Amino acid sequence: LNEIMSLQASFEQRIFSPENDLIDY
C-alpha cells in the first residue's frame, strides 16, 4: 500500500444485510 502513489479504477459498492441480502448498490 505504501508503494501505491496513485490509483485510477472503476468501482462497484454493495451493502449487505446481516443475512447477506443485498440492500444497496
PDB file of all heavy atoms in Angstrom:
ATOM      1  N   LEU A   1       0.819  -1.204   0.000  1.00  0.00           N
ATOM      2  CA  LEU A   1       0.000   0.000   0.000  1.00  0.00           C
ATOM      3  C   LEU A   1       0.862   1.267   0.000  1.00  0.00           C
ATOM      4  O   LEU A   1       0.495   2.270  -0.610  1.00  0.00           O
ATOM      5  CB  LEU A   1      -0.950  -0.009   1.188  1.00  0.00           C
ATOM      6  CG  LEU A   1      -2.057  -1.066   1.131  1.00  0.00           C
ATOM      7  CD1 LEU A   1      -2.837  -1.086   2.439  1.00  0.00           C
ATOM      8  CD2 LEU A   1      -2.998  -0.819  -0.034  1.00  0.00           C
ATOM      9  N   ASN A   2       1.996   1.203   0.670  1.00  0.00           N
ATOM     10  CA  ASN A   2       2.889   2.367   0.675  1.00  0.00           C
ATOM     11  C   ASN A   2       3.441   2.672  -0.707  1.00  0.00           C
ATOM     12  O   ASN A   2       3.767   3.827  -1.021  1.00  0.00           O
ATOM     13  CB  ASN A   2       4.050   2.141   1.646  1.00  0.00           C
ATOM     14  CG  ASN A   2       3.727   2.581   3.062  1.00  0.00           C
ATOM     15  OD1 ASN A   2       3.005   3.537   3.269  1.00  0.00           O
ATOM     16  ND2 ASN A   2       4.253   1.853   4.038  1.00  0.00           N
ATOM     17  N   GLU A   3       3.576   1.656  -1.543  1.00  0.00           N
ATOM     18  CA  GLU A   3       4.138   1.842  -2.879  1.00  0.00           C
ATOM     19  C   GLU A   3       3.113   2.372  -3.877  1.00  0.00           C
ATOM     20  O   GLU A   3       3.464   2.743  -4.995  1.00  0.00           O
ATOM     21  CB  GLU A   3       4.739   0.526  -3.377  1.00  0.00           C
ATOM     22  CG  GLU A   3       6.021   0.151  -2.631  1.00  0.00           C
ATOM     23  CD  GLU A   3       6.500  -1.244  -2.955  1.00  0.00           C
ATOM     24  OE1 GLU A   3       5.839  -1.921  -3.791  1.00  0.00           O
ATOM     25  OE2 GLU A   3       7.507  -1.665  -2.380  1.00  0.00           O
ATOM     26  N   ILE A   4       1.837   2.408  -3.499  1.00  0.00           N
ATOM     27  CA  ILE A   4       0.818   2.980  -4.374  1.00  0.00           C
ATOM     28  C   ILE A   4       0.838   4.500  -4.200  1.00  0.00           C
ATOM     29  O   ILE A   4       0.415   5.026  -3.177  1.00  0.00           O
ATOM     30  CB  ILE A   4      -0.580   2.434  -4.055  1.00  0.00           C
ATOM     31  CG1 ILE A   4      -0.642   0.931  -4.319  1.00  0.00           C
ATOM     32  CG2 ILE A   4      -1.640   3.151  -4.901  1.00  0.00           C
ATOM     33  CD1 ILE A   4      -1.976   0.288  -3.955  1.00  0.00           C
ATOM     34  N   MET A   5       1.318   5.203  -5.218  1.00  0.00           N
ATOM     35  CA  MET A   5       1.364   6.660  -5.168  1.00  0.00           C
ATOM     36  C   MET A   5       0.152   7.285  -5.852  1.00  0.00           C
ATOM     37  O   MET A   5      -0.256   8.392  -5.526  1.00  0.00           O
ATOM     38  CB  MET A   5       2.651   7.169  -5.818  1.00  0.00           C
ATOM     39  CG  MET A   5       3.920   6.625  -5.167  1.00  0.00           C
ATOM     40  SD  MET A   5       3.953   6.813  -3.359  1.00  0.00           S
ATOM     41  CE  MET A   5       3.935   8.591  -3.205  1.00  0.00           C
ATOM     42  N   SER A   6      -0.415   6.571  -6.819  1.00  0.00           N
ATOM     43  CA  SER A   6      -1.669   6.998  -7.433  1.00  0.00           C
ATOM     44  C   SER A   6      -2.427   5.764  -7.891  1.00  0.00           C
ATOM     45  O   SER A   6      -1.834   4.703  -8.130  1.00  0.00           O
ATOM     46  CB  SER A   6      -1.423   7.941  -8.626  1.00  0.00           C
ATOM     47  OG  SER A   6      -0.908   7.218  -9.738  1.00  0.00           O
ATOM     48  N   LEU A   7      -3.735   5.902  -8.000  1.00  0.00           N
ATOM     49  CA  LEU A   7      -4.574   4.781  -8.408  1.00  0.00           C
ATOM     50  C   LEU A   7      -5.795   5.327  -9.132  1.00  0.00           C
ATOM     51  O   LEU A   7      -6.417   6.283  -8.679  1.00  0.00           O
ATOM     52  CB  LEU A   7      -5.001   3.957  -7.183  1.00  0.00           C
ATOM     53  CG  LEU A   7      -5.718   2.627  -7.409  1.00  0.00           C
ATOM     54  CD1 LEU A   7      -5.466   1.693  -6.222  1.00  0.00           C
ATOM     55  CD2 LEU A   7      -7.220   2.800  -7.598  1.00  0.00           C
ATOM     56  N   GLN A   8      -6.109   4.715 -10.275  1.00  0.00           N
ATOM     57  CA  GLN A   8      -7.331   5.006 -11.013  1.00  0.00           C
ATOM     58  C   GLN A   8      -8.081   3.696 -11.183  1.00  0.00           C
ATOM     59  O   GLN A   8      -7.482   2.664 -11.488  1.00  0.00           O
ATOM     60  CB  GLN A   8      -7.024   5.577 -12.394  1.00  0.00           C
ATOM     61  CG  GLN A   8      -6.135   6.793 -12.397  1.00  0.00           C
ATOM     62  CD  GLN A   8      -5.741   7.194 -13.805  1.00  0.00           C
ATOM     63  OE1 GLN A   8      -6.600   7.516 -14.631  1.00  0.00           O
ATOM     64  NE2 GLN A   8      -4.453   7.173 -14.095  1.00  0.00           N
ATOM     65  N   ALA A   9      -9.399   3.718 -11.016  1.00  0.00           N
ATOM     66  CA  ALA A   9     -10.168   2.488 -11.158  1.00  0.00           C
ATOM     67  C   ALA A   9     -11.649   2.814 -11.275  1.00  0.00           C
ATOM     68  O   ALA A   9     -12.104   3.894 -10.895  1.00  0.00           O
ATOM     69  CB  ALA A   9      -9.941   1.568  -9.952  1.00  0.00           C
ATOM     70  N   SER A  10     -12.398   1.861 -11.791  1.00  0.00           N
ATOM     71  CA  SER A  10     -13.852   1.882 -11.637  1.00  0.00           C
ATOM     72  C   SER A  10     -14.171   1.071 -10.383  1.00  0.00           C
ATOM     73  O   SER A  10     -13.350   0.260  -9.934  1.00  0.00           O
ATOM     74  CB  SER A  10     -14.536   1.266 -12.864  1.00  0.00           C
ATOM     75  OG  SER A  10     -14.106  -0.073 -13.062  1.00  0.00           O
ATOM     76  N   PHE A  11     -15.333   1.315  -9.794  1.00  0.00           N
ATOM     77  CA  PHE A  11     -15.673   0.562  -8.586  1.00  0.00           C
ATOM     78  C   PHE A  11     -17.156   0.206  -8.573  1.00  0.00           C
ATOM     79  O   PHE A  11     -17.990   0.856  -9.207  1.00  0.00           O
ATOM     80  CB  PHE A  11     -15.316   1.339  -7.311  1.00  0.00           C
ATOM     81  CG  PHE A  11     -16.249   2.471  -6.996  1.00  0.00           C
ATOM     82  CD1 PHE A  11     -17.397   2.263  -6.243  1.00  0.00           C
ATOM     83  CD2 PHE A  11     -15.995   3.757  -7.455  1.00  0.00           C
ATOM     84  CE1 PHE A  11     -18.273   3.305  -5.958  1.00  0.00           C
ATOM     85  CE2 PHE A  11     -16.851   4.803  -7.176  1.00  0.00           C
ATOM     86  CZ  PHE A  11     -17.999   4.576  -6.431  1.00  0.00           C
ATOM     87  N   GLU A  12     -17.447  -0.847  -7.836  1.00  0.00           N
ATOM     88  CA  GLU A  12     -18.818  -1.236  -7.515  1.00  0.00           C
ATOM     89  C   GLU A  12     -18.903  -1.410  -6.006  1.00  0.00           C
ATOM     90  O   GLU A  12     -18.028  -2.039  -5.405  1.00  0.00           O
ATOM     91  CB  GLU A  12     -19.210  -2.535  -8.218  1.00  0.00           C
ATOM     92  CG  GLU A  12     -19.267  -2.425  -9.727  1.00  0.00           C
ATOM     93  CD  GLU A  12     -19.711  -3.728 -10.383  1.00  0.00           C
ATOM     94  OE1 GLU A  12     -19.678  -4.776  -9.697  1.00  0.00           O
ATOM     95  OE2 GLU A  12     -20.091  -3.697 -11.563  1.00  0.00           O
ATOM     96  N   GLN A  13     -19.930  -0.837  -5.409  1.00  0.00           N
ATOM     97  CA  GLN A  13     -20.124  -0.965  -3.966  1.00  0.00           C
ATOM     98  C   GLN A  13     -21.446  -1.666  -3.693  1.00  0.00           C
ATOM     99  O   GLN A  13     -22.498  -1.265  -4.222  1.00  0.00           O
ATOM    100  CB  GLN A  13     -20.131   0.413  -3.300  1.00  0.00           C
ATOM    101  CG  GLN A  13     -20.435   0.341  -1.798  1.00  0.00           C
ATOM    102  CD  GLN A  13     -20.584   1.717  -1.194  1.00  0.00           C
ATOM    103  OE1 GLN A  13     -19.599   2.386  -0.922  1.00  0.00           O
ATOM    104  NE2 GLN A  13     -21.810   2.151  -0.989  1.00  0.00           N
ATOM    105  N   ARG A  14     -21.395  -2.679  -2.858  1.00  0.00           N
ATOM    106  CA  ARG A  14     -22.597  -3.414  -2.458  1.00  0.00           C
ATOM    107  C   ARG A  14     -22.677  -3.444  -0.942  1.00  0.00           C
ATOM    108  O   ARG A  14     -21.669  -3.685  -0.274  1.00  0.00           O
ATOM    109  CB  ARG A  14     -22.582  -4.844  -3.014  1.00  0.00           C
ATOM    110  CG  ARG A  14     -22.685  -4.909  -4.538  1.00  0.00           C
ATOM    111  CD  ARG A  14     -22.501  -6.333  -5.047  1.00  0.00           C
ATOM    112  NE  ARG A  14     -22.721  -6.411  -6.485  1.00  0.00           N
ATOM    113  CZ  ARG A  14     -21.790  -6.160  -7.402  1.00  0.00           C
ATOM    114  NH1 ARG A  14     -20.553  -5.823  -7.014  1.00  0.00           N
ATOM    115  NH2 ARG A  14     -22.066  -6.250  -8.691  1.00  0.00           N
ATOM    116  N   ILE A  15     -23.869  -3.183  -0.433  1.00  0.00           N
ATOM    117  CA  ILE A  15     -24.100  -3.245   1.005  1.00  0.00           C
ATOM    118  C   ILE A  15     -25.039  -4.410   1.276  1.00  0.00           C
ATOM    119  O   ILE A  15     -26.093  -4.538   0.637  1.00  0.00           O
ATOM    120  CB  ILE A  15     -24.697  -1.934   1.529  1.00  0.00           C
ATOM    121  CG1 ILE A  15     -23.727  -0.770   1.227  1.00  0.00           C
ATOM    122  CG2 ILE A  15     -24.964  -2.018   3.030  1.00  0.00           C
ATOM    123  CD1 ILE A  15     -24.276   0.592   1.607  1.00  0.00           C
ATOM    124  N   PHE A  16     -24.642  -5.280   2.220  1.00  0.00           N
ATOM    125  CA  PHE A  16     -25.400  -6.486   2.519  1.00  0.00           C
ATOM    126  C   PHE A  16     -25.917  -6.451   3.956  1.00  0.00           C
ATOM    127  O   PHE A  16     -25.246  -5.939   4.857  1.00  0.00           O
ATOM    128  CB  PHE A  16     -24.527  -7.732   2.338  1.00  0.00           C
ATOM    129  CG  PHE A  16     -24.063  -7.961   0.928  1.00  0.00           C
ATOM    130  CD1 PHE A  16     -22.852  -7.458   0.488  1.00  0.00           C
ATOM    131  CD2 PHE A  16     -24.848  -8.692   0.039  1.00  0.00           C
ATOM    132  CE1 PHE A  16     -22.420  -7.662  -0.811  1.00  0.00           C
ATOM    133  CE2 PHE A  16     -24.421  -8.902  -1.266  1.00  0.00           C
ATOM    134  CZ  PHE A  16     -23.207  -8.398  -1.693  1.00  0.00           C
ATOM    135  N   SER A  17     -27.090  -7.008   4.143  1.00  0.00           N
ATOM    136  CA  SER A  17     -27.669  -7.152   5.481  1.00  0.00           C
ATOM    137  C   SER A  17     -26.911  -8.240   6.242  1.00  0.00           C
ATOM    138  O   SER A  17     -26.131  -8.998   5.647  1.00  0.00           O
ATOM    139  CB  SER A  17     -29.137  -7.539   5.374  1.00  0.00           C
ATOM    140  OG  SER A  17     -29.250  -8.880   4.910  1.00  0.00           O
ATOM    141  N   PRO A  18     -27.145  -8.357   7.555  1.00  0.00           N
ATOM    142  CA  PRO A  18     -26.522  -9.458   8.312  1.00  0.00           C
ATOM    143  C   PRO A  18     -26.885 -10.833   7.759  1.00  0.00           C
ATOM    144  O   PRO A  18     -26.127 -11.791   7.944  1.00  0.00           O
ATOM    145  CB  PRO A  18     -27.083  -9.254   9.723  1.00  0.00           C
ATOM    146  CG  PRO A  18     -27.345  -7.789   9.815  1.00  0.00           C
ATOM    147  CD  PRO A  18     -27.848  -7.413   8.443  1.00  0.00           C
ATOM    148  N   GLU A  19     -28.027 -10.924   7.067  1.00  0.00           N
ATOM    149  CA  GLU A  19     -28.439 -12.192   6.449  1.00  0.00           C
ATOM    150  C   GLU A  19     -27.858 -12.354   5.043  1.00  0.00           C
ATOM    151  O   GLU A  19     -28.201 -13.285   4.323  1.00  0.00           O
ATOM    152  CB  GLU A  19     -29.958 -12.282   6.383  1.00  0.00           C
ATOM    153  CG  GLU A  19     -30.656 -12.321   7.736  1.00  0.00           C
ATOM    154  CD  GLU A  19     -30.664 -10.971   8.449  1.00  0.00           C
ATOM    155  OE1 GLU A  19     -30.715  -9.929   7.753  1.00  0.00           O
ATOM    156  OE2 GLU A  19     -30.573 -10.965   9.709  1.00  0.00           O
ATOM    157  N   ASN A  20     -26.985 -11.402   4.651  1.00  0.00           N
ATOM    158  CA  ASN A  20     -26.307 -11.396   3.353  1.00  0.00           C
ATOM    159  C   ASN A  20     -27.248 -11.092   2.195  1.00  0.00           C
ATOM    160  O   ASN A  20     -26.986 -11.463   1.048  1.00  0.00           O
ATOM    161  CB  ASN A  20     -25.594 -12.730   3.094  1.00  0.00           C
ATOM    162  CG  ASN A  20     -24.386 -12.544   2.183  1.00  0.00           C
ATOM    163  OD1 ASN A  20     -23.677 -11.539   2.264  1.00  0.00           O
ATOM    164  ND2 ASN A  20     -24.147 -13.516   1.312  1.00  0.00           N
ATOM    165  N   ASP A  21     -28.341 -10.385   2.470  1.00  0.00           N
ATOM    166  CA  ASP A  21     -29.223  -9.900   1.405  1.00  0.00           C
ATOM    167  C   ASP A  21     -28.689  -8.551   0.907  1.00  0.00           C
ATOM    168  O   ASP A  21     -28.294  -7.692   1.703  1.00  0.00           O
ATOM    169  CB  ASP A  21     -30.652  -9.720   1.921  1.00  0.00           C
ATOM    170  CG  ASP A  21     -31.284 -11.031   2.363  1.00  0.00           C
ATOM    171  OD1 ASP A  21     -31.041 -12.061   1.693  1.00  0.00           O
ATOM    172  OD2 ASP A  21     -32.009 -11.028   3.376  1.00  0.00           O
ATOM    173  N   LEU A  22     -28.690  -8.362  -0.409  1.00  0.00           N
ATOM    174  CA  LEU A  22     -28.235  -7.100  -0.987  1.00  0.00           C
ATOM    175  C   LEU A  22     -29.249  -6.003  -0.677  1.00  0.00           C
ATOM    176  O   LEU A  22     -30.427  -6.121  -1.015  1.00  0.00           O
ATOM    177  CB  LEU A  22     -28.062  -7.248  -2.496  1.00  0.00           C
ATOM    178  CG  LEU A  22     -27.583  -6.002  -3.246  1.00  0.00           C
ATOM    179  CD1 LEU A  22     -26.176  -5.614  -2.823  1.00  0.00           C
ATOM    180  CD2 LEU A  22     -27.647  -6.248  -4.764  1.00  0.00           C
ATOM    181  N   ILE A  23     -28.804  -4.920  -0.050  1.00  0.00           N
ATOM    182  CA  ILE A  23     -29.732  -3.850   0.310  1.00  0.00           C
ATOM    183  C   ILE A  23     -29.394  -2.529  -0.394  1.00  0.00           C
ATOM    184  O   ILE A  23     -30.205  -1.613  -0.397  1.00  0.00           O
ATOM    185  CB  ILE A  23     -29.787  -3.630   1.836  1.00  0.00           C
ATOM    186  CG1 ILE A  23     -28.407  -3.327   2.415  1.00  0.00           C
ATOM    187  CG2 ILE A  23     -30.392  -4.841   2.521  1.00  0.00           C
ATOM    188  CD1 ILE A  23     -28.429  -3.051   3.924  1.00  0.00           C
ATOM    189  N   ASP A  24     -28.208  -2.428  -1.000  1.00  0.00           N
ATOM    190  CA  ASP A  24     -27.878  -1.198  -1.726  1.00  0.00           C
ATOM    191  C   ASP A  24     -26.742  -1.490  -2.699  1.00  0.00           C
ATOM    192  O   ASP A  24     -25.858  -2.315  -2.423  1.00  0.00           O
ATOM    193  CB  ASP A  24     -27.448  -0.093  -0.754  1.00  0.00           C
ATOM    194  CG  ASP A  24     -27.343   1.264  -1.443  1.00  0.00           C
ATOM    195  OD1 ASP A  24     -28.274   1.610  -2.193  1.00  0.00           O
ATOM    196  OD2 ASP A  24     -26.335   1.959  -1.248  1.00  0.00           O
ATOM    197  N   TYR A  25     -26.790  -0.804  -3.850  1.00  0.00           N
ATOM    198  CA  TYR A  25     -25.752  -0.979  -4.872  1.00  0.00           C
ATOM    199  C   TYR A  25     -25.435   0.383  -5.479  1.00  0.00           C
ATOM    200  O   TYR A  25     -26.325   1.199  -5.717  1.00  0.00           O
ATOM    201  CB  TYR A  25     -26.224  -1.917  -5.985  1.00  0.00           C
ATOM    202  CG  TYR A  25     -25.292  -1.965  -7.180  1.00  0.00           C
ATOM    203  CD1 TYR A  25     -24.177  -2.796  -7.174  1.00  0.00           C
ATOM    204  CD2 TYR A  25     -25.503  -1.139  -8.287  1.00  0.00           C
ATOM    205  CE1 TYR A  25     -23.301  -2.819  -8.250  1.00  0.00           C
ATOM    206  CE2 TYR A  25     -24.623  -1.156  -9.369  1.00  0.00           C
ATOM    207  CZ  TYR A  25     -23.527  -2.003  -9.347  1.00  0.00           C
ATOM    208  OH  TYR A  25     -22.660  -2.017 -10.408  1.00  0.00           O
TER     209      TYR A  25
END
